[in-house]
Amino acid sequence: MIGSANRIKKQSFPGVLRGKSVLGLYFKAILTDLGDKNTQIGVVLPKKYAKTAVLRNLIRRTVYGQTVPYLDKIPYKNIAFLLQKAFPIGRGLPGRQQVSQIVAEEVQGLIKKIIPTEKYEK
């Protein structure tokens, strides 16, 4: 899980959602340079795409868990992950594990798009 210093506060969300966006298959990552010295992460999960609270909490915990190793490498101060498409979910534990794996792969792919690679830097 991610510490509260690295989570976007509720009051900051309207400003954060106006930033530059990077698209993935299920998520859109919105990037801004507003706010604190710490990199902050937020997750927006509409009930339209993730119906149950159990599923929304699983997705939120997975996103936060996947972003922790990259917090000091991300060049932006705020990143909001916005769910834009429903997951193909099965029933029970196998379905939740499948969703968790899909979310982890999606978030890692978006973070790799966000973090500049060394071969292009001077």
PDB file of N, CA and C in Angstrom:
ATOM      1  N   MET A   1       0.842  -1.184   0.000  1.00  0.00           N
ATOM      2  CA  MET A   1       0.000   0.000   0.000  1.00  0.00           C
ATOM      3  C   MET A   1       0.881   1.238   0.000  1.00  0.00           C
ATOM      4  N   ILE A   2       0.321   2.314  -0.350  1.00  0.00           N
ATOM      5  CA  ILE A   2       1.047   3.567  -0.500  1.00  0.00           C
ATOM      6  C   ILE A   2       0.718   4.481   0.684  1.00  0.00           C
ATOM      7  N   GLY A   3       1.690   5.260   1.122  1.00  0.00           N
ATOM      8  CA  GLY A   3       1.469   6.155   2.247  1.00  0.00           C
ATOM      9  C   GLY A   3       0.571   7.327   1.890  1.00  0.00           C
ATOM     10  N   SER A   4      -0.013   7.956   2.912  1.00  0.00           N
ATOM     11  CA  SER A   4      -0.946   9.055   2.653  1.00  0.00           C
ATOM     12  C   SER A   4      -0.251  10.274   2.056  1.00  0.00           C
ATOM     13  N   ALA A   5       1.049  10.425   2.282  1.00  0.00           N
ATOM     14  CA  ALA A   5       1.792  11.535   1.679  1.00  0.00           C
ATOM     15  C   ALA A   5       1.876  11.387   0.165  1.00  0.00           C
ATOM     16  N   ASN A   6       1.735  10.166  -0.326  1.00  0.00           N
ATOM     17  CA  ASN A   6       1.826   9.902  -1.763  1.00  0.00           C
ATOM     18  C   ASN A   6       0.475   9.666  -2.417  1.00  0.00           C
ATOM     19  N   ARG A   7      -0.620   9.988  -1.737  1.00  0.00           N
ATOM     20  CA  ARG A   7      -1.949   9.885  -2.333  1.00  0.00           C
ATOM     21  C   ARG A   7      -2.493  11.276  -2.610  1.00  0.00           C
ATOM     22  N   ILE A   8      -3.174  11.434  -3.732  1.00  0.00           N
ATOM     23  CA  ILE A   8      -3.771  12.725  -4.076  1.00  0.00           C
ATOM     24  C   ILE A   8      -4.946  12.975  -3.142  1.00  0.00           C
ATOM     25  N   LYS A   9      -4.988  14.159  -2.570  1.00  0.00           N
ATOM     26  CA  LYS A   9      -6.077  14.533  -1.668  1.00  0.00           C
ATOM     27  C   LYS A   9      -7.338  14.838  -2.470  1.00  0.00           C
ATOM     28  N   LYS A  10      -8.475  14.676  -1.842  1.00  0.00           N
ATOM     29  CA  LYS A  10      -9.760  14.872  -2.503  1.00  0.00           C
ATOM     30  C   LYS A  10      -9.906  16.290  -3.056  1.00  0.00           C
ATOM     31  N   GLN A  11      -9.382  17.288  -2.341  1.00  0.00           N
ATOM     32  CA  GLN A  11      -9.498  18.678  -2.776  1.00  0.00           C
ATOM     33  C   GLN A  11      -8.674  18.949  -4.034  1.00  0.00           C
ATOM     34  N   SER A  12      -7.638  18.164  -4.281  1.00  0.00           N
ATOM     35  CA  SER A  12      -6.731  18.393  -5.413  1.00  0.00           C
ATOM     36  C   SER A  12      -7.223  17.778  -6.721  1.00  0.00           C
ATOM     37  N   PHE A  13      -8.188  16.856  -6.659  1.00  0.00           N
ATOM     38  CA  PHE A  13      -8.591  16.126  -7.858  1.00  0.00           C
ATOM     39  C   PHE A  13      -9.083  16.999  -9.011  1.00  0.00           C
ATOM     40  N   PRO A  14      -9.908  18.037  -8.790  1.00  0.00           N
ATOM     41  CA  PRO A  14     -10.357  18.818  -9.957  1.00  0.00           C
ATOM     42  C   PRO A  14      -9.208  19.426 -10.759  1.00  0.00           C
ATOM     43  N   GLY A  15      -8.160  19.897 -10.108  1.00  0.00           N
ATOM     44  CA  GLY A  15      -7.012  20.444 -10.820  1.00  0.00           C
ATOM     45  C   GLY A  15      -6.184  19.380 -11.501  1.00  0.00           C
ATOM     46  N   VAL A  16      -6.075  18.224 -10.870  1.00  0.00           N
ATOM     47  CA  VAL A  16      -5.264  17.138 -11.417  1.00  0.00           C
ATOM     48  C   VAL A  16      -5.884  16.567 -12.685  1.00  0.00           C
ATOM     49  N   LEU A  17      -7.198  16.525 -12.764  1.00  0.00           N
ATOM     50  CA  LEU A  17      -7.870  15.907 -13.907  1.00  0.00           C
ATOM     51  C   LEU A  17      -7.812  16.752 -15.177  1.00  0.00           C
ATOM     52  N   ARG A  18      -7.135  17.892 -15.132  1.00  0.00           N
ATOM     53  CA  ARG A  18      -6.993  18.743 -16.326  1.00  0.00           C
ATOM     54  C   ARG A  18      -5.634  18.599 -16.995  1.00  0.00           C
ATOM     55  N   GLY A  19      -4.867  17.619 -16.618  1.00  0.00           N
ATOM     56  CA  GLY A  19      -3.500  17.494 -17.119  1.00  0.00           C
ATOM     57  C   GLY A  19      -3.391  16.708 -18.414  1.00  0.00           C
ATOM     58  N   LYS A  20      -2.159  16.424 -18.773  1.00  0.00           N
ATOM     59  CA  LYS A  20      -1.822  15.639 -19.963  1.00  0.00           C
ATOM     60  C   LYS A  20      -2.193  14.179 -19.703  1.00  0.00           C
ATOM     61  N   SER A  21      -2.680  13.479 -20.715  1.00  0.00           N
ATOM     62  CA  SER A  21      -3.105  12.101 -20.493  1.00  0.00           C
ATOM     63  C   SER A  21      -2.326  11.110 -21.350  1.00  0.00           C
ATOM     64  N   VAL A  22      -2.169   9.913 -20.790  1.00  0.00           N
ATOM     65  CA  VAL A  22      -1.542   8.787 -21.469  1.00  0.00           C
ATOM     66  C   VAL A  22      -2.563   7.659 -21.450  1.00  0.00           C
ATOM     67  N   LEU A  23      -2.872   7.108 -22.615  1.00  0.00           N
ATOM     68  CA  LEU A  23      -3.933   6.113 -22.723  1.00  0.00           C
ATOM     69  C   LEU A  23      -3.393   4.695 -22.679  1.00  0.00           C
ATOM     70  N   GLY A  24      -4.156   3.836 -22.006  1.00  0.00           N
ATOM     71  CA  GLY A  24      -3.917   2.409 -21.993  1.00  0.00           C
ATOM     72  C   GLY A  24      -5.193   1.711 -22.443  1.00  0.00           C
ATOM     73  N   LEU A  25      -5.228   0.411 -22.328  1.00  0.00           N
ATOM     74  CA  LEU A  25      -6.408  -0.338 -22.749  1.00  0.00           C
ATOM     75  C   LEU A  25      -7.585  -0.115 -21.800  1.00  0.00           C
ATOM     76  N   TYR A  26      -7.333  -0.165 -20.496  1.00  0.00           N
ATOM     77  CA  TYR A  26      -8.397  -0.013 -19.505  1.00  0.00           C
ATOM     78  C   TYR A  26      -8.325   1.307 -18.741  1.00  0.00           C
ATOM     79  N   PHE A  27      -7.142   1.874 -18.610  1.00  0.00           N
ATOM     80  CA  PHE A  27      -6.946   3.086 -17.816  1.00  0.00           C
ATOM     81  C   PHE A  27      -6.458   4.241 -18.669  1.00  0.00           C
ATOM     82  N   LYS A  28      -6.725   5.437 -18.175  1.00  0.00           N
ATOM     83  CA  LYS A  28      -6.094   6.645 -18.696  1.00  0.00           C
ATOM     84  C   LYS A  28      -5.316   7.243 -17.531  1.00  0.00           C
ATOM     85  N   ALA A  29      -4.033   7.519 -17.731  1.00  0.00           N
ATOM     86  CA  ALA A  29      -3.212   8.153 -16.700  1.00  0.00           C
ATOM     87  C   ALA A  29      -3.153   9.645 -17.004  1.00  0.00           C
ATOM     88  N   ILE A  30      -3.547  10.467 -16.044  1.00  0.00           N
ATOM     89  CA  ILE A  30      -3.559  11.914 -16.211  1.00  0.00           C
ATOM     90  C   ILE A  30      -2.404  12.480 -15.396  1.00  0.00           C
ATOM     91  N   LEU A  31      -1.527  13.245 -16.054  1.00  0.00           N
ATOM     92  CA  LEU A  31      -0.280  13.716 -15.457  1.00  0.00           C
ATOM     93  C   LEU A  31      -0.291  15.227 -15.283  1.00  0.00           C
ATOM     94  N   THR A  32       0.082  15.695 -14.091  1.00  0.00           N
ATOM     95  CA  THR A  32       0.215  17.134 -13.836  1.00  0.00           C
ATOM     96  C   THR A  32       1.405  17.371 -12.919  1.00  0.00           C
ATOM     97  N   ASP A  33       1.798  18.621 -12.817  1.00  0.00           N
ATOM     98  CA  ASP A  33       2.898  19.011 -11.932  1.00  0.00           C
ATOM     99  C   ASP A  33       2.425  19.913 -10.806  1.00  0.00           C
ATOM    100  N   LEU A  34       1.224  19.740 -10.328  1.00  0.00           N
ATOM    101  CA  LEU A  34       0.689  20.560  -9.254  1.00  0.00           C
ATOM    102  C   LEU A  34       1.096  20.006  -7.897  1.00  0.00           C
ATOM    103  N   GLY A  35       1.152  20.876  -6.901  1.00  0.00           N
ATOM    104  CA  GLY A  35       1.193  20.409  -5.519  1.00  0.00           C
ATOM    105  C   GLY A  35       2.534  20.196  -4.886  1.00  0.00           C
ATOM    106  N   ASP A  36       2.596  19.196  -4.017  1.00  0.00           N
ATOM    107  CA  ASP A  36       3.698  18.954  -3.093  1.00  0.00           C
ATOM    108  C   ASP A  36       4.981  18.526  -3.782  1.00  0.00           C
ATOM    109  N   LYS A  37       6.008  18.340  -2.934  1.00  0.00           N
ATOM    110  CA  LYS A  37       7.286  17.855  -3.446  1.00  0.00           C
ATOM    111  C   LYS A  37       7.261  16.357  -3.691  1.00  0.00           C
ATOM    112  N   ASN A  38       6.328  15.637  -3.046  1.00  0.00           N
ATOM    113  CA  ASN A  38       6.207  14.190  -3.231  1.00  0.00           C
ATOM    114  C   ASN A  38       5.366  13.886  -4.465  1.00  0.00           C
ATOM    115  N   THR A  39       5.703  12.793  -5.135  1.00  0.00           N
ATOM    116  CA  THR A  39       4.859  12.313  -6.215  1.00  0.00           C
ATOM    117  C   THR A  39       3.597  11.729  -5.604  1.00  0.00           C
ATOM    118  N   GLN A  40       2.443  12.132  -6.112  1.00  0.00           N
ATOM    119  CA  GLN A  40       1.180  11.666  -5.561  1.00  0.00           C
ATOM    120  C   GLN A  40       0.400  10.890  -6.615  1.00  0.00           C
ATOM    121  N   ILE A  41      -0.243   9.818  -6.159  1.00  0.00           N
ATOM    122  CA  ILE A  41      -0.994   8.918  -7.030  1.00  0.00           C
ATOM    123  C   ILE A  41      -2.458   8.932  -6.603  1.00  0.00           C
ATOM    124  N   GLY A  42      -3.363   8.916  -7.570  1.00  0.00           N
ATOM    125  CA  GLY A  42      -4.792   8.819  -7.292  1.00  0.00           C
ATOM    126  C   GLY A  42      -5.428   7.831  -8.249  1.00  0.00           C
ATOM    127  N   VAL A  43      -6.539   7.242  -7.818  1.00  0.00           N
ATOM    128  CA  VAL A  43      -7.248   6.264  -8.641  1.00  0.00           C
ATOM    129  C   VAL A  43      -8.724   6.637  -8.659  1.00  0.00           C
ATOM    130  N   VAL A  44      -9.295   6.742  -9.861  1.00  0.00           N
ATOM    131  CA  VAL A  44     -10.716   7.048 -10.027  1.00  0.00           C
ATOM    132  C   VAL A  44     -11.371   5.827 -10.665  1.00  0.00           C
ATOM    133  N   LEU A  45     -12.339   5.251  -9.938  1.00  0.00           N
ATOM    134  CA  LEU A  45     -12.994   4.031 -10.397  1.00  0.00           C
ATOM    135  C   LEU A  45     -14.509   4.228 -10.408  1.00  0.00           C
ATOM    136  N   PRO A  46     -15.088   4.584 -11.554  1.00  0.00           N
ATOM    137  CA  PRO A  46     -16.532   4.777 -11.622  1.00  0.00           C
ATOM    138  C   PRO A  46     -17.301   3.472 -11.380  1.00  0.00           C
ATOM    139  N   LYS A  47     -18.441   3.579 -10.731  1.00  0.00           N
ATOM    140  CA  LYS A  47     -19.282   2.408 -10.481  1.00  0.00           C
ATOM    141  C   LYS A  47     -19.823   1.811 -11.773  1.00  0.00           C
ATOM    142  N   LYS A  48     -19.810   2.590 -12.826  1.00  0.00           N
ATOM    143  CA  LYS A  48     -20.271   2.098 -14.123  1.00  0.00           C
ATOM    144  C   LYS A  48     -19.416   0.925 -14.595  1.00  0.00           C
ATOM    145  N   TYR A  49     -18.103   0.966 -14.300  1.00  0.00           N
ATOM    146  CA  TYR A  49     -17.184  -0.061 -14.787  1.00  0.00           C
ATOM    147  C   TYR A  49     -16.786  -1.077 -13.726  1.00  0.00           C
ATOM    148  N   ALA A  50     -16.778  -0.692 -12.472  1.00  0.00           N
ATOM    149  CA  ALA A  50     -16.450  -1.606 -11.372  1.00  0.00           C
ATOM    150  C   ALA A  50     -17.624  -1.549 -10.398  1.00  0.00           C
ATOM    151  N   LYS A  51     -18.536  -2.473 -10.528  1.00  0.00           N
ATOM    152  CA  LYS A  51     -19.821  -2.396  -9.827  1.00  0.00           C
ATOM    153  C   LYS A  51     -19.711  -2.542  -8.312  1.00  0.00           C
ATOM    154  N   THR A  52     -18.907  -3.484  -7.834  1.00  0.00           N
ATOM    155  CA  THR A  52     -18.884  -3.759  -6.399  1.00  0.00           C
ATOM    156  C   THR A  52     -17.722  -3.049  -5.707  1.00  0.00           C
ATOM    157  N   ALA A  53     -17.918  -2.765  -4.432  1.00  0.00           N
ATOM    158  CA  ALA A  53     -16.868  -2.124  -3.640  1.00  0.00           C
ATOM    159  C   ALA A  53     -15.654  -3.043  -3.502  1.00  0.00           C
ATOM    160  N   VAL A  54     -15.890  -4.338  -3.446  1.00  0.00           N
ATOM    161  CA  VAL A  54     -14.785  -5.296  -3.350  1.00  0.00           C
ATOM    162  C   VAL A  54     -13.875  -5.173  -4.568  1.00  0.00           C
ATOM    163  N   LEU A  55     -14.468  -5.091  -5.749  1.00  0.00           N
ATOM    164  CA  LEU A  55     -13.693  -4.971  -6.983  1.00  0.00           C
ATOM    165  C   LEU A  55     -12.972  -3.627  -7.049  1.00  0.00           C
ATOM    166  N   ARG A  56     -13.661  -2.541  -6.676  1.00  0.00           N
ATOM    167  CA  ARG A  56     -13.020  -1.221  -6.694  1.00  0.00           C
ATOM    168  C   ARG A  56     -11.837  -1.166  -5.727  1.00  0.00           C
ATOM    169  N   ASN A  57     -11.991  -1.735  -4.541  1.00  0.00           N
ATOM    170  CA  ASN A  57     -10.890  -1.740  -3.576  1.00  0.00           C
ATOM    171  C   ASN A  57      -9.728  -2.600  -4.050  1.00  0.00           C
ATOM    172  N   LEU A  58     -10.026  -3.736  -4.683  1.00  0.00           N
ATOM    173  CA  LEU A  58      -8.977  -4.591  -5.228  1.00  0.00           C
ATOM    174  C   LEU A  58      -8.180  -3.849  -6.301  1.00  0.00           C
ATOM    175  N   ILE A  59      -8.874  -3.180  -7.196  1.00  0.00           N
ATOM    176  CA  ILE A  59      -8.202  -2.430  -8.262  1.00  0.00           C
ATOM    177  C   ILE A  59      -7.367  -1.301  -7.663  1.00  0.00           C
ATOM    178  N   ARG A  60      -7.929  -0.568  -6.720  1.00  0.00           N
ATOM    179  CA  ARG A  60      -7.216   0.552  -6.085  1.00  0.00           C
ATOM    180  C   ARG A  60      -5.942   0.062  -5.390  1.00  0.00           C
ATOM    181  N   ARG A  61      -6.047  -1.027  -4.609  1.00  0.00           N
ATOM    182  CA  ARG A  61      -4.865  -1.564  -3.915  1.00  0.00           C
ATOM    183  C   ARG A  61      -3.818  -2.054  -4.906  1.00  0.00           C
ATOM    184  N   THR A  62      -4.254  -2.664  -5.993  1.00  0.00           N
ATOM    185  CA  THR A  62      -3.314  -3.162  -7.004  1.00  0.00           C
ATOM    186  C   THR A  62      -2.590  -2.002  -7.687  1.00  0.00           C
ATOM    187  N   VAL A  63      -3.307  -0.941  -8.029  1.00  0.00           N
ATOM    188  CA  VAL A  63      -2.681   0.225  -8.668  1.00  0.00           C
ATOM    189  C   VAL A  63      -1.654   0.845  -7.726  1.00  0.00           C
ATOM    190  N   TYR A  64      -2.041   1.055  -6.474  1.00  0.00           N
ATOM    191  CA  TYR A  64      -1.108   1.637  -5.510  1.00  0.00           C
ATOM    192  C   TYR A  64       0.108   0.735  -5.316  1.00  0.00           C
ATOM    193  N   GLY A  65      -0.108  -0.565  -5.227  1.00  0.00           N
ATOM    194  CA  GLY A  65       1.001  -1.502  -5.043  1.00  0.00           C
ATOM    195  C   GLY A  65       1.965  -1.526  -6.219  1.00  0.00           C
ATOM    196  N   GLN A  66       1.447  -1.365  -7.425  1.00  0.00           N
ATOM    197  CA  GLN A  66       2.311  -1.388  -8.614  1.00  0.00           C
ATOM    198  C   GLN A  66       3.086  -0.089  -8.796  1.00  0.00           C
ATOM    199  N   THR A  67       2.590   1.020  -8.251  1.00  0.00           N
ATOM    200  CA  THR A  67       3.269   2.307  -8.444  1.00  0.00           C
ATOM    201  C   THR A  67       4.335   2.596  -7.403  1.00  0.00           C
ATOM    202  N   VAL A  68       4.304   1.920  -6.256  1.00  0.00           N
ATOM    203  CA  VAL A  68       5.257   2.208  -5.177  1.00  0.00           C
ATOM    204  C   VAL A  68       6.721   2.116  -5.623  1.00  0.00           C
ATOM    205  N   PRO A  69       7.161   1.083  -6.347  1.00  0.00           N
ATOM    206  CA  PRO A  69       8.583   1.011  -6.723  1.00  0.00           C
ATOM    207  C   PRO A  69       9.047   2.130  -7.664  1.00  0.00           C
ATOM    208  N   TYR A  70       8.116   2.805  -8.324  1.00  0.00           N
ATOM    209  CA  TYR A  70       8.476   3.805  -9.322  1.00  0.00           C
ATOM    210  C   TYR A  70       8.302   5.241  -8.837  1.00  0.00           C
ATOM    211  N   LEU A  71       7.932   5.458  -7.594  1.00  0.00           N
ATOM    212  CA  LEU A  71       7.600   6.805  -7.124  1.00  0.00           C
ATOM    213  C   LEU A  71       8.742   7.805  -7.316  1.00  0.00           C
ATOM    214  N   ASP A  72       9.988   7.395  -7.066  1.00  0.00           N
ATOM    215  CA  ASP A  72      11.101   8.343  -7.206  1.00  0.00           C
ATOM    216  C   ASP A  72      11.566   8.492  -8.652  1.00  0.00           C
ATOM    217  N   LYS A  73      11.105   7.649  -9.574  1.00  0.00           N
ATOM    218  CA  LYS A  73      11.523   7.735 -10.978  1.00  0.00           C
ATOM    219  C   LYS A  73      10.536   8.519 -11.841  1.00  0.00           C
ATOM    220  N   ILE A  74       9.322   8.746 -11.341  1.00  0.00           N
ATOM    221  CA  ILE A  74       8.278   9.398 -12.129  1.00  0.00           C
ATOM    222  C   ILE A  74       8.551  10.898 -12.190  1.00  0.00           C
ATOM    223  N   PRO A  75       8.612  11.496 -13.380  1.00  0.00           N
ATOM    224  CA  PRO A  75       8.954  12.916 -13.497  1.00  0.00           C
ATOM    225  C   PRO A  75       7.815  13.870 -13.163  1.00  0.00           C
ATOM    226  N   TYR A  76       6.594  13.387 -12.983  1.00  0.00           N
ATOM    227  CA  TYR A  76       5.450  14.255 -12.696  1.00  0.00           C
ATOM    228  C   TYR A  76       5.107  14.199 -11.211  1.00  0.00           C
ATOM    229  N   LYS A  77       4.470  15.254 -10.720  1.00  0.00           N
ATOM    230  CA  LYS A  77       4.107  15.315  -9.305  1.00  0.00           C
ATOM    231  C   LYS A  77       2.791  14.614  -9.000  1.00  0.00           C
ATOM    232  N   ASN A  78       1.868  14.588  -9.951  1.00  0.00           N
ATOM    233  CA  ASN A  78       0.564  13.968  -9.732  1.00  0.00           C
ATOM    234  C   ASN A  78       0.219  13.059 -10.899  1.00  0.00           C
ATOM    235  N   ILE A  79      -0.233  11.854 -10.564  1.00  0.00           N
ATOM    236  CA  ILE A  79      -0.737  10.930 -11.577  1.00  0.00           C
ATOM    237  C   ILE A  79      -2.066  10.391 -11.087  1.00  0.00           C
ATOM    238  N   ALA A  80      -3.115  10.574 -11.881  1.00  0.00           N
ATOM    239  CA  ALA A  80      -4.425  10.020 -11.571  1.00  0.00           C
ATOM    240  C   ALA A  80      -4.730   8.936 -12.603  1.00  0.00           C
ATOM    241  N   PHE A  81      -5.013   7.746 -12.130  1.00  0.00           N
ATOM    242  CA  PHE A  81      -5.394   6.643 -13.004  1.00  0.00           C
ATOM    243  C   PHE A  81      -6.915   6.599 -13.055  1.00  0.00           C
ATOM    244  N   LEU A  82      -7.475   6.751 -14.258  1.00  0.00           N
ATOM    245  CA  LEU A  82      -8.924   6.794 -14.445  1.00  0.00           C
ATOM    246  C   LEU A  82      -9.358   5.558 -15.231  1.00  0.00           C
ATOM    247  N   LEU A  83     -10.189   4.728 -14.617  1.00  0.00           N
ATOM    248  CA  LEU A  83     -10.697   3.527 -15.279  1.00  0.00           C
ATOM    249  C   LEU A  83     -11.699   3.939 -16.355  1.00  0.00           C
ATOM    250  N   GLN A  84     -11.512   3.423 -17.579  1.00  0.00           N
ATOM    251  CA  GLN A  84     -12.355   3.815 -18.702  1.00  0.00           C
ATOM    252  C   GLN A  84     -13.098   2.664 -19.358  1.00  0.00           C
ATOM    253  N   LYS A  85     -12.850   1.456 -18.904  1.00  0.00           N
ATOM    254  CA  LYS A  85     -13.456   0.299 -19.550  1.00  0.00           C
ATOM    255  C   LYS A  85     -13.612  -0.806 -18.508  1.00  0.00           C
ATOM    256  N   ALA A  86     -14.701  -1.543 -18.570  1.00  0.00           N
ATOM    257  CA  ALA A  86     -14.935  -2.630 -17.623  1.00  0.00           C
ATOM    258  C   ALA A  86     -14.003  -3.807 -17.916  1.00  0.00           C
ATOM    259  N   PHE A  87     -13.642  -4.537 -16.868  1.00  0.00           N
ATOM    260  CA  PHE A  87     -12.783  -5.704 -17.002  1.00  0.00           C
ATOM    261  C   PHE A  87     -13.618  -6.942 -17.306  1.00  0.00           C
ATOM    262  N   PRO A  88     -13.075  -7.878 -18.097  1.00  0.00           N
ATOM    263  CA  PRO A  88     -13.764  -9.161 -18.263  1.00  0.00           C
ATOM    264  C   PRO A  88     -13.541  -9.975 -16.994  1.00  0.00           C
ATOM    265  N   ILE A  89     -14.538 -10.036 -16.137  1.00  0.00           N
ATOM    266  CA  ILE A  89     -14.358 -10.633 -14.819  1.00  0.00           C
ATOM    267  C   ILE A  89     -15.134 -11.932 -14.707  1.00  0.00           C
ATOM    268  N   GLY A  90     -14.461 -12.920 -14.121  1.00  0.00           N
ATOM    269  CA  GLY A  90     -15.125 -14.172 -13.806  1.00  0.00           C
ATOM    270  C   GLY A  90     -15.643 -14.141 -12.378  1.00  0.00           C
ATOM    271  N   ARG A  91     -16.194 -15.222 -11.923  1.00  0.00           N
ATOM    272  CA  ARG A  91     -16.743 -15.274 -10.563  1.00  0.00           C
ATOM    273  C   ARG A  91     -15.699 -15.793  -9.580  1.00  0.00           C
ATOM    274  N   GLY A  92     -15.794 -15.307  -8.357  1.00  0.00           N
ATOM    275  CA  GLY A  92     -14.999 -15.847  -7.264  1.00  0.00           C
ATOM    276  C   GLY A  92     -13.539 -15.439  -7.311  1.00  0.00           C
ATOM    277  N   LEU A  93     -12.731 -16.217  -6.611  1.00  0.00           N
ATOM    278  CA  LEU A  93     -11.309 -15.919  -6.471  1.00  0.00           C
ATOM    279  C   LEU A  93     -10.557 -15.924  -7.803  1.00  0.00           C
ATOM    280  N   PRO A  94     -10.783 -16.888  -8.717  1.00  0.00           N
ATOM    281  CA  PRO A  94     -10.059 -16.837  -9.999  1.00  0.00           C
ATOM    282  C   PRO A  94     -10.343 -15.566 -10.794  1.00  0.00           C
ATOM    283  N   GLY A  95     -11.578 -15.073 -10.736  1.00  0.00           N
ATOM    284  CA  GLY A  95     -11.923 -13.831 -11.431  1.00  0.00           C
ATOM    285  C   GLY A  95     -11.200 -12.630 -10.851  1.00  0.00           C
ATOM    286  N   ARG A  96     -11.127 -12.570  -9.518  1.00  0.00           N
ATOM    287  CA  ARG A  96     -10.417 -11.461  -8.865  1.00  0.00           C
ATOM    288  C   ARG A  96      -8.924 -11.517  -9.147  1.00  0.00           C
ATOM    289  N   GLN A  97      -8.354 -12.720  -9.156  1.00  0.00           N
ATOM    290  CA  GLN A  97      -6.929 -12.852  -9.471  1.00  0.00           C
ATOM    291  C   GLN A  97      -6.649 -12.428 -10.914  1.00  0.00           C
ATOM    292  N   GLN A  98      -7.558 -12.752 -11.809  1.00  0.00           N
ATOM    293  CA  GLN A  98      -7.405 -12.353 -13.207  1.00  0.00           C
ATOM    294  C   GLN A  98      -7.453 -10.833 -13.334  1.00  0.00           C
ATOM    295  N   VAL A  99      -8.398 -10.192 -12.652  1.00  0.00           N
ATOM    296  CA  VAL A  99      -8.498  -8.733 -12.680  1.00  0.00           C
ATOM    297  C   VAL A  99      -7.244  -8.099 -12.098  1.00  0.00           C
ATOM    298  N   SER A 100      -6.759  -8.639 -10.993  1.00  0.00           N
ATOM    299  CA  SER A 100      -5.548  -8.106 -10.366  1.00  0.00           C
ATOM    300  C   SER A 100      -4.352  -8.192 -11.306  1.00  0.00           C
ATOM    301  N   GLN A 101      -4.239  -9.305 -12.029  1.00  0.00           N
ATOM    302  CA  GLN A 101      -3.139  -9.473 -12.981  1.00  0.00           C
ATOM    303  C   GLN A 101      -3.271  -8.500 -14.156  1.00  0.00           C
ATOM    304  N   ILE A 102      -4.479  -8.317 -14.665  1.00  0.00           N
ATOM    305  CA  ILE A 102      -4.704  -7.387 -15.776  1.00  0.00           C
ATOM    306  C   ILE A 102      -4.362  -5.957 -15.347  1.00  0.00           C
ATOM    307  N   VAL A 103      -4.802  -5.573 -14.145  1.00  0.00           N
ATOM    308  CA  VAL A 103      -4.526  -4.226 -13.637  1.00  0.00           C
ATOM    309  C   VAL A 103      -3.026  -4.018 -13.473  1.00  0.00           C
ATOM    310  N   ALA A 104      -2.331  -5.007 -12.913  1.00  0.00           N
ATOM    311  CA  ALA A 104      -0.883  -4.883 -12.710  1.00  0.00           C
ATOM    312  C   ALA A 104      -0.158  -4.688 -14.041  1.00  0.00           C
ATOM    313  N   GLU A 105      -0.511  -5.475 -15.053  1.00  0.00           N
ATOM    314  CA  GLU A 105       0.133  -5.350 -16.365  1.00  0.00           C
ATOM    315  C   GLU A 105      -0.172  -3.994 -16.999  1.00  0.00           C
ATOM    316  N   GLU A 106      -1.424  -3.537 -16.871  1.00  0.00           N
ATOM    317  CA  GLU A 106      -1.828  -2.256 -17.454  1.00  0.00           C
ATOM    318  C   GLU A 106      -1.089  -1.087 -16.804  1.00  0.00           C
ATOM    319  N   VAL A 107      -1.014  -1.095 -15.474  1.00  0.00           N
ATOM    320  CA  VAL A 107      -0.359   0.002 -14.754  1.00  0.00           C
ATOM    321  C   VAL A 107       1.135   0.017 -15.053  1.00  0.00           C
ATOM    322  N   GLN A 108       1.765  -1.138 -15.086  1.00  0.00           N
ATOM    323  CA  GLN A 108       3.194  -1.190 -15.427  1.00  0.00           C
ATOM    324  C   GLN A 108       3.436  -0.681 -16.839  1.00  0.00           C
ATOM    325  N   GLY A 109       2.559  -1.012 -17.769  1.00  0.00           N
ATOM    326  CA  GLY A 109       2.692  -0.504 -19.137  1.00  0.00           C
ATOM    327  C   GLY A 109       2.557   1.010 -19.203  1.00  0.00           C
ATOM    328  N   LEU A 110       1.599   1.569 -18.465  1.00  0.00           N
ATOM    329  CA  LEU A 110       1.431   3.027 -18.438  1.00  0.00           C
ATOM    330  C   LEU A 110       2.624   3.711 -17.789  1.00  0.00           C
ATOM    331  N   ILE A 111       3.141   3.135 -16.720  1.00  0.00           N
ATOM    332  CA  ILE A 111       4.295   3.739 -16.044  1.00  0.00           C
ATOM    333  C   ILE A 111       5.519   3.716 -16.956  1.00  0.00           C
ATOM    334  N   LYS A 112       5.678   2.649 -17.735  1.00  0.00           N
ATOM    335  CA  LYS A 112       6.806   2.593 -18.670  1.00  0.00           C
ATOM    336  C   LYS A 112       6.676   3.649 -19.762  1.00  0.00           C
ATOM    337  N   LYS A 113       5.433   4.010 -20.126  1.00  0.00           N
ATOM    338  CA  LYS A 113       5.237   5.098 -21.085  1.00  0.00           C
ATOM    339  C   LYS A 113       5.556   6.449 -20.461  1.00  0.00           C
ATOM    340  N   ILE A 114       5.323   6.591 -19.163  1.00  0.00           N
ATOM    341  CA  ILE A 114       5.500   7.864 -18.470  1.00  0.00           C
ATOM    342  C   ILE A 114       6.959   8.134 -18.149  1.00  0.00           C
ATOM    343  N   ILE A 115       7.667   7.120 -17.654  1.00  0.00           N
ATOM    344  CA  ILE A 115       9.064   7.303 -17.241  1.00  0.00           C
ATOM    345  C   ILE A 115       9.946   7.391 -18.483  1.00  0.00           C
ATOM    346  N   PRO A 116      10.756   8.452 -18.586  1.00  0.00           N
ATOM    347  CA  PRO A 116      11.636   8.566 -19.757  1.00  0.00           C
ATOM    348  C   PRO A 116      12.717   7.497 -19.714  1.00  0.00           C
ATOM    349  N   THR A 117      13.018   6.945 -20.879  1.00  0.00           N
ATOM    350  CA  THR A 117      14.066   5.920 -20.947  1.00  0.00           C
ATOM    351  C   THR A 117      15.414   6.609 -21.041  1.00  0.00           C
ATOM    352  N   GLU A 118      16.443   5.912 -20.590  1.00  0.00           N
ATOM    353  CA  GLU A 118      17.786   6.489 -20.527  1.00  0.00           C
ATOM    354  C   GLU A 118      18.414   6.672 -21.899  1.00  0.00           C
ATOM    355  N   LYS A 119      18.046   5.854 -22.885  1.00  0.00           N
ATOM    356  CA  LYS A 119      18.717   5.948 -24.168  1.00  0.00           C
ATOM    357  C   LYS A 119      18.332   7.223 -24.933  1.00  0.00           C
ATOM    358  N   TYR A 120      17.225   7.854 -24.591  1.00  0.00           N
ATOM    359  CA  TYR A 120      16.831   9.081 -25.254  1.00  0.00           C
ATOM    360  C   TYR A 120      17.274  10.331 -24.498  1.00  0.00           C
ATOM    361  N   GLU A 121      17.727  10.170 -23.268  1.00  0.00           N
ATOM    362  CA  GLU A 121      18.171  11.320 -22.477  1.00  0.00           C
ATOM    363  C   GLU A 121      19.603  11.679 -22.845  1.00  0.00           C
ATOM    364  N   LYS A 122      19.936  12.957 -22.696  1.00  0.00           N
ATOM    365  CA  LYS A 122      21.312  13.390 -22.975  1.00  0.00           C
ATOM    366  C   LYS A 122      22.025  13.698 -21.705  1.00  0.00           C
TER     367      LYS A 122
END
